[in-house]
């Protein structure tokens, strides 16, 4: 059974939490930390459609005495602010474009596409 997605991609137009955000799969804590570092150190070119990128990391700790289970889970949200240079009609559609392999922005492909949707960005 596949693990529930703990990484989501959204734009500033997704104003209600993760409502409408694009699930991007499940990453381990180490993979999440690596991705955060890469996004933090990314140099966004001036001509890019990405105006800004940020991440929100939430950590949940669940201690269920009934089942003698203690677990910690992390959830990463990648927030994009774009300017629609790629021709999409609404900024809110950007995460779906990325997830479907249709994004043409090099920095987005390298940081997000190839890591979270590798099957869609092979050879790019």
N, C-alpha and C. Protein backbone atom coordinates (compact mmCIF):
# COMPACT_ATOMS: atom_id res chain seq x y z
N UNK A 1 0.84 -1.19 0.00
CA UNK A 1 0.00 0.00 0.00
C UNK A 1 0.88 1.25 0.00
N UNK A 2 0.61 2.16 -0.90
CA UNK A 2 1.38 3.40 -1.00
C UNK A 2 1.10 4.29 0.19
N UNK A 3 2.14 4.98 0.63
CA UNK A 3 1.97 5.90 1.75
C UNK A 3 1.23 7.14 1.29
N UNK A 4 0.47 7.71 2.21
CA UNK A 4 -0.27 8.94 1.93
C UNK A 4 0.71 10.06 1.64
N UNK A 5 0.37 10.90 0.69
CA UNK A 5 1.24 12.00 0.29
C UNK A 5 1.51 12.93 1.48
N UNK A 6 2.79 13.23 1.70
CA UNK A 6 3.15 14.19 2.75
C UNK A 6 3.83 15.42 2.16
N UNK A 7 3.79 15.54 0.84
CA UNK A 7 4.32 16.71 0.15
C UNK A 7 3.23 17.23 -0.78
N UNK A 8 2.96 18.53 -0.70
CA UNK A 8 1.96 19.15 -1.55
C UNK A 8 2.53 20.41 -2.19
N UNK A 9 2.02 20.71 -3.37
CA UNK A 9 2.44 21.88 -4.14
C UNK A 9 1.22 22.78 -4.30
N UNK A 10 1.38 24.06 -3.96
CA UNK A 10 0.25 24.97 -4.11
C UNK A 10 0.74 26.35 -4.51
N UNK A 11 -0.20 27.17 -4.93
CA UNK A 11 0.11 28.55 -5.29
C UNK A 11 -0.54 29.47 -4.26
N UNK A 12 -0.26 30.75 -4.38
CA UNK A 12 -0.84 31.72 -3.45
C UNK A 12 -2.36 31.80 -3.60
N UNK A 13 -2.89 31.30 -4.70
CA UNK A 13 -4.34 31.32 -4.91
C UNK A 13 -5.04 30.21 -4.13
N UNK A 14 -4.30 29.22 -3.63
CA UNK A 14 -4.88 28.18 -2.77
C UNK A 14 -4.93 28.75 -1.36
N UNK A 15 -5.98 29.49 -1.06
CA UNK A 15 -6.00 30.23 0.21
C UNK A 15 -6.53 29.42 1.39
N UNK A 16 -7.12 28.29 1.15
CA UNK A 16 -7.71 27.51 2.24
C UNK A 16 -6.88 26.27 2.53
N UNK A 17 -5.75 26.44 3.19
CA UNK A 17 -4.92 25.30 3.56
C UNK A 17 -4.48 24.52 2.34
N UNK A 18 -4.72 23.21 2.36
CA UNK A 18 -4.33 22.36 1.24
C UNK A 18 -5.47 22.11 0.27
N UNK A 19 -6.58 22.80 0.44
CA UNK A 19 -7.71 22.63 -0.46
C UNK A 19 -7.28 22.95 -1.89
N UNK A 20 -7.32 21.98 -2.77
CA UNK A 20 -6.94 22.17 -4.16
C UNK A 20 -5.47 22.05 -4.44
N UNK A 21 -4.65 21.86 -3.41
CA UNK A 21 -3.21 21.71 -3.61
C UNK A 21 -2.91 20.37 -4.27
N UNK A 22 -1.82 20.31 -5.01
CA UNK A 22 -1.43 19.12 -5.75
C UNK A 22 -0.60 18.19 -4.86
N UNK A 23 -1.09 16.95 -4.60
CA UNK A 23 -0.26 15.99 -3.86
C UNK A 23 0.94 15.57 -4.70
N UNK A 24 2.10 15.43 -4.06
CA UNK A 24 3.34 15.14 -4.78
C UNK A 24 4.02 13.86 -4.29
N UNK A 25 3.33 13.04 -3.54
CA UNK A 25 3.92 11.79 -3.08
C UNK A 25 4.45 11.88 -1.66
N UNK A 26 5.16 10.84 -1.29
CA UNK A 26 5.66 10.72 0.08
C UNK A 26 7.19 10.74 0.07
N UNK A 27 7.76 11.58 0.92
CA UNK A 27 9.21 11.66 1.08
C UNK A 27 9.58 11.36 2.52
N UNK A 28 10.75 10.80 2.72
CA UNK A 28 11.26 10.57 4.07
C UNK A 28 11.69 11.91 4.67
N UNK A 29 11.94 11.91 5.97
CA UNK A 29 12.38 13.13 6.65
C UNK A 29 13.67 13.65 6.04
N UNK A 30 14.61 12.75 5.73
CA UNK A 30 15.87 13.18 5.12
C UNK A 30 15.65 13.77 3.73
N UNK A 31 14.77 13.17 2.94
CA UNK A 31 14.47 13.69 1.61
C UNK A 31 13.81 15.06 1.69
N UNK A 32 12.92 15.23 2.67
CA UNK A 32 12.27 16.53 2.87
C UNK A 32 13.32 17.59 3.22
N UNK A 33 14.22 17.25 4.13
CA UNK A 33 15.26 18.21 4.52
C UNK A 33 16.16 18.57 3.35
N UNK A 34 16.51 17.58 2.51
CA UNK A 34 17.33 17.85 1.32
C UNK A 34 16.60 18.80 0.37
N UNK A 35 15.31 18.55 0.15
CA UNK A 35 14.53 19.38 -0.76
C UNK A 35 14.41 20.81 -0.22
N UNK A 36 14.21 20.95 1.07
CA UNK A 36 14.14 22.28 1.68
C UNK A 36 15.44 23.04 1.45
N UNK A 37 16.56 22.38 1.65
CA UNK A 37 17.87 23.01 1.44
C UNK A 37 18.05 23.45 -0.01
N UNK A 38 17.65 22.59 -0.95
CA UNK A 38 17.80 22.92 -2.36
C UNK A 38 16.93 24.12 -2.74
N UNK A 39 15.71 24.16 -2.23
CA UNK A 39 14.83 25.29 -2.51
C UNK A 39 15.38 26.56 -1.87
N UNK A 40 15.86 26.42 -0.64
CA UNK A 40 16.40 27.57 0.09
C UNK A 40 17.60 28.17 -0.63
N UNK A 41 18.43 27.34 -1.25
CA UNK A 41 19.65 27.81 -1.91
C UNK A 41 19.47 28.10 -3.39
N UNK A 42 18.26 27.92 -3.92
CA UNK A 42 18.02 28.13 -5.35
C UNK A 42 18.12 29.61 -5.72
N UNK A 43 18.71 29.86 -6.84
CA UNK A 43 18.79 31.20 -7.40
C UNK A 43 17.75 31.29 -8.51
N UNK A 44 16.70 32.02 -8.26
CA UNK A 44 15.63 32.14 -9.25
C UNK A 44 16.02 33.20 -10.27
N UNK A 45 16.13 32.82 -11.54
CA UNK A 45 16.49 33.81 -12.57
C UNK A 45 15.44 34.91 -12.68
N UNK A 46 15.88 36.11 -13.00
CA UNK A 46 14.99 37.25 -13.11
C UNK A 46 13.87 37.01 -14.14
N UNK A 47 14.19 36.33 -15.23
CA UNK A 47 13.20 36.12 -16.30
C UNK A 47 12.28 34.92 -16.04
N UNK A 48 12.43 34.27 -14.92
CA UNK A 48 11.63 33.09 -14.58
C UNK A 48 10.17 33.46 -14.34
N UNK A 49 9.29 32.50 -14.57
CA UNK A 49 7.87 32.71 -14.24
C UNK A 49 7.65 32.59 -12.73
N UNK A 50 8.63 32.07 -12.02
CA UNK A 50 8.53 31.95 -10.56
C UNK A 50 8.95 33.28 -9.94
N UNK A 51 8.03 33.90 -9.25
CA UNK A 51 8.33 35.14 -8.55
C UNK A 51 8.93 34.82 -7.18
N UNK A 52 8.35 33.83 -6.52
CA UNK A 52 8.88 33.40 -5.23
C UNK A 52 8.49 31.95 -4.96
N UNK A 53 9.29 31.31 -4.11
CA UNK A 53 9.06 29.94 -3.70
C UNK A 53 9.33 29.87 -2.21
N UNK A 54 8.46 29.19 -1.47
CA UNK A 54 8.70 29.01 -0.05
C UNK A 54 8.19 27.63 0.36
N UNK A 55 8.59 27.22 1.54
CA UNK A 55 8.14 25.93 2.05
C UNK A 55 7.61 26.09 3.46
N UNK A 56 6.65 25.26 3.79
CA UNK A 56 6.12 25.16 5.15
C UNK A 56 6.30 23.71 5.58
N UNK A 57 6.94 23.50 6.71
CA UNK A 57 7.15 22.16 7.23
C UNK A 57 6.37 22.03 8.53
N UNK A 58 5.50 21.04 8.57
CA UNK A 58 4.72 20.77 9.78
C UNK A 58 5.14 19.41 10.31
N UNK A 59 5.27 19.31 11.60
CA UNK A 59 5.61 18.05 12.23
C UNK A 59 4.50 17.67 13.21
N UNK A 60 4.09 16.42 13.13
CA UNK A 60 3.05 15.92 14.01
C UNK A 60 3.60 14.75 14.80
N UNK A 61 3.30 14.70 16.06
CA UNK A 61 3.72 13.58 16.88
C UNK A 61 2.47 12.96 17.47
N UNK A 62 2.33 11.68 17.27
CA UNK A 62 1.15 10.97 17.76
C UNK A 62 1.60 9.88 18.72
N UNK A 63 1.10 9.89 19.92
CA UNK A 63 1.44 8.88 20.90
C UNK A 63 0.13 8.21 21.33
N UNK A 64 -0.13 7.04 20.79
CA UNK A 64 -1.38 6.35 21.08
C UNK A 64 -1.10 5.23 22.08
N UNK A 65 -1.46 5.46 23.32
CA UNK A 65 -1.20 4.49 24.37
C UNK A 65 -2.01 3.21 24.19
N UNK A 66 -3.16 3.34 23.59
CA UNK A 66 -4.01 2.16 23.39
C UNK A 66 -3.31 1.12 22.54
N UNK A 67 -2.67 1.57 21.46
CA UNK A 67 -2.00 0.65 20.54
C UNK A 67 -0.50 0.56 20.80
N UNK A 68 -0.01 1.26 21.81
CA UNK A 68 1.42 1.30 22.11
C UNK A 68 2.23 1.72 20.88
N UNK A 69 1.76 2.78 20.28
CA UNK A 69 2.37 3.26 19.04
C UNK A 69 2.75 4.72 19.21
N UNK A 70 3.96 5.03 18.89
CA UNK A 70 4.40 6.42 18.87
C UNK A 70 4.95 6.70 17.49
N UNK A 71 4.48 7.74 16.86
CA UNK A 71 4.99 8.04 15.52
C UNK A 71 5.08 9.55 15.33
N UNK A 72 5.99 9.92 14.49
CA UNK A 72 6.18 11.32 14.14
C UNK A 72 6.07 11.41 12.62
N UNK A 73 5.29 12.34 12.15
CA UNK A 73 5.19 12.51 10.70
C UNK A 73 5.44 13.96 10.36
N UNK A 74 5.97 14.17 9.17
CA UNK A 74 6.26 15.51 8.69
C UNK A 74 5.49 15.75 7.41
N UNK A 75 5.08 16.97 7.22
CA UNK A 75 4.35 17.35 6.02
C UNK A 75 4.98 18.61 5.44
N UNK A 76 5.30 18.56 4.16
CA UNK A 76 5.93 19.68 3.47
C UNK A 76 4.97 20.27 2.45
N UNK A 77 4.81 21.58 2.50
CA UNK A 77 4.02 22.29 1.50
C UNK A 77 4.96 23.25 0.77
N UNK A 78 4.99 23.13 -0.55
CA UNK A 78 5.80 24.02 -1.39
C UNK A 78 4.85 25.06 -1.97
N UNK A 79 5.13 26.31 -1.69
CA UNK A 79 4.28 27.43 -2.13
C UNK A 79 4.95 28.15 -3.30
N UNK A 80 4.21 28.32 -4.39
CA UNK A 80 4.73 29.01 -5.56
C UNK A 80 3.94 30.29 -5.81
N UNK A 81 4.64 31.33 -6.19
CA UNK A 81 4.03 32.56 -6.64
C UNK A 81 4.53 32.76 -8.06
N UNK A 82 3.64 32.70 -9.03
CA UNK A 82 4.05 32.74 -10.43
C UNK A 82 3.39 33.90 -11.16
N UNK A 83 3.86 34.14 -12.39
CA UNK A 83 3.31 35.26 -13.17
C UNK A 83 2.63 34.82 -14.46
N UNK A 84 2.40 33.54 -14.65
CA UNK A 84 1.65 33.00 -15.78
C UNK A 84 2.31 33.19 -17.15
N UNK A 85 3.63 33.26 -17.21
CA UNK A 85 4.31 33.41 -18.49
C UNK A 85 4.10 32.21 -19.41
N UNK A 86 3.81 31.06 -18.83
CA UNK A 86 3.69 29.85 -19.64
C UNK A 86 2.37 29.75 -20.38
N UNK A 87 1.47 30.69 -20.16
CA UNK A 87 0.23 30.70 -20.92
C UNK A 87 -0.96 30.07 -20.21
N UNK A 88 -0.79 29.60 -18.98
CA UNK A 88 -1.95 29.08 -18.27
C UNK A 88 -2.87 30.25 -17.94
N UNK A 89 -4.16 29.98 -17.90
CA UNK A 89 -5.12 31.06 -17.69
C UNK A 89 -5.18 31.54 -16.25
N UNK A 90 -4.98 30.63 -15.32
CA UNK A 90 -5.02 31.01 -13.91
C UNK A 90 -3.82 30.41 -13.19
N UNK A 91 -3.25 31.18 -12.31
CA UNK A 91 -2.09 30.75 -11.55
C UNK A 91 -2.39 29.48 -10.76
N UNK A 92 -3.61 29.27 -10.37
CA UNK A 92 -3.99 28.12 -9.55
C UNK A 92 -3.74 26.79 -10.29
N UNK A 93 -3.64 26.84 -11.62
CA UNK A 93 -3.41 25.62 -12.41
C UNK A 93 -1.95 25.22 -12.50
N UNK A 94 -1.06 26.05 -12.02
CA UNK A 94 0.37 25.80 -12.11
C UNK A 94 0.79 24.44 -11.50
N UNK A 95 0.36 24.10 -10.29
CA UNK A 95 0.77 22.81 -9.73
C UNK A 95 0.35 21.61 -10.59
N UNK A 96 -0.83 21.67 -11.21
CA UNK A 96 -1.27 20.57 -12.07
C UNK A 96 -0.41 20.49 -13.33
N UNK A 97 -0.01 21.64 -13.87
CA UNK A 97 0.88 21.66 -15.04
C UNK A 97 2.21 20.99 -14.69
N UNK A 98 2.74 21.32 -13.51
CA UNK A 98 4.01 20.74 -13.07
C UNK A 98 3.85 19.24 -12.89
N UNK A 99 2.80 18.83 -12.21
CA UNK A 99 2.57 17.40 -11.92
C UNK A 99 2.35 16.57 -13.19
N UNK A 100 1.82 17.19 -14.23
CA UNK A 100 1.55 16.46 -15.47
C UNK A 100 2.75 16.43 -16.41
N UNK A 101 3.85 17.11 -16.03
CA UNK A 101 5.05 17.11 -16.86
C UNK A 101 5.04 18.18 -17.94
N UNK A 102 4.13 19.14 -17.86
CA UNK A 102 4.00 20.16 -18.89
C UNK A 102 4.75 21.45 -18.60
N UNK A 103 5.34 21.56 -17.43
CA UNK A 103 6.07 22.78 -17.08
C UNK A 103 7.32 22.91 -17.96
N UNK A 104 7.60 24.11 -18.42
CA UNK A 104 8.77 24.36 -19.27
C UNK A 104 9.83 25.19 -18.56
N UNK A 105 9.59 25.59 -17.31
CA UNK A 105 10.50 26.45 -16.56
C UNK A 105 11.63 25.60 -15.97
N UNK A 106 12.86 25.87 -16.39
CA UNK A 106 14.01 25.05 -16.03
C UNK A 106 14.20 24.90 -14.51
N UNK A 107 14.09 25.98 -13.78
CA UNK A 107 14.31 25.89 -12.33
C UNK A 107 13.23 25.05 -11.65
N UNK A 108 12.00 25.13 -12.13
CA UNK A 108 10.91 24.33 -11.57
C UNK A 108 11.11 22.87 -11.92
N UNK A 109 11.52 22.59 -13.14
CA UNK A 109 11.79 21.21 -13.55
C UNK A 109 12.89 20.62 -12.69
N UNK A 110 13.98 21.36 -12.48
CA UNK A 110 15.11 20.85 -11.71
C UNK A 110 14.78 20.67 -10.23
N UNK A 111 14.13 21.65 -9.63
CA UNK A 111 13.85 21.60 -8.19
C UNK A 111 12.67 20.72 -7.82
N UNK A 112 11.63 20.76 -8.63
CA UNK A 112 10.39 20.08 -8.27
C UNK A 112 10.06 18.93 -9.21
N UNK A 113 10.04 19.21 -10.50
CA UNK A 113 9.63 18.21 -11.48
C UNK A 113 10.43 16.92 -11.43
N UNK A 114 11.74 17.03 -11.53
CA UNK A 114 12.60 15.85 -11.57
C UNK A 114 12.64 15.10 -10.25
N UNK A 115 12.36 15.79 -9.14
CA UNK A 115 12.41 15.14 -7.82
C UNK A 115 11.08 14.52 -7.43
N UNK A 116 9.99 15.21 -7.73
CA UNK A 116 8.68 14.73 -7.27
C UNK A 116 7.86 14.06 -8.36
N UNK A 117 8.18 14.33 -9.62
CA UNK A 117 7.46 13.73 -10.75
C UNK A 117 8.46 13.23 -11.78
N UNK A 118 9.44 12.47 -11.33
CA UNK A 118 10.57 12.03 -12.16
C UNK A 118 10.11 11.33 -13.44
N UNK A 119 9.07 10.53 -13.37
CA UNK A 119 8.58 9.80 -14.55
C UNK A 119 8.09 10.74 -15.64
N UNK A 120 7.62 11.92 -15.26
CA UNK A 120 7.10 12.88 -16.24
C UNK A 120 8.18 13.77 -16.84
N UNK A 121 9.34 13.83 -16.20
CA UNK A 121 10.41 14.73 -16.65
C UNK A 121 11.69 14.00 -17.08
N UNK A 122 11.55 12.75 -17.46
CA UNK A 122 12.72 12.01 -17.95
C UNK A 122 13.21 12.63 -19.25
N UNK A 123 14.51 12.85 -19.33
CA UNK A 123 15.09 13.38 -20.55
C UNK A 123 15.01 14.90 -20.69
N UNK A 124 14.49 15.58 -19.70
CA UNK A 124 14.40 17.05 -19.78
C UNK A 124 15.53 17.67 -19.00
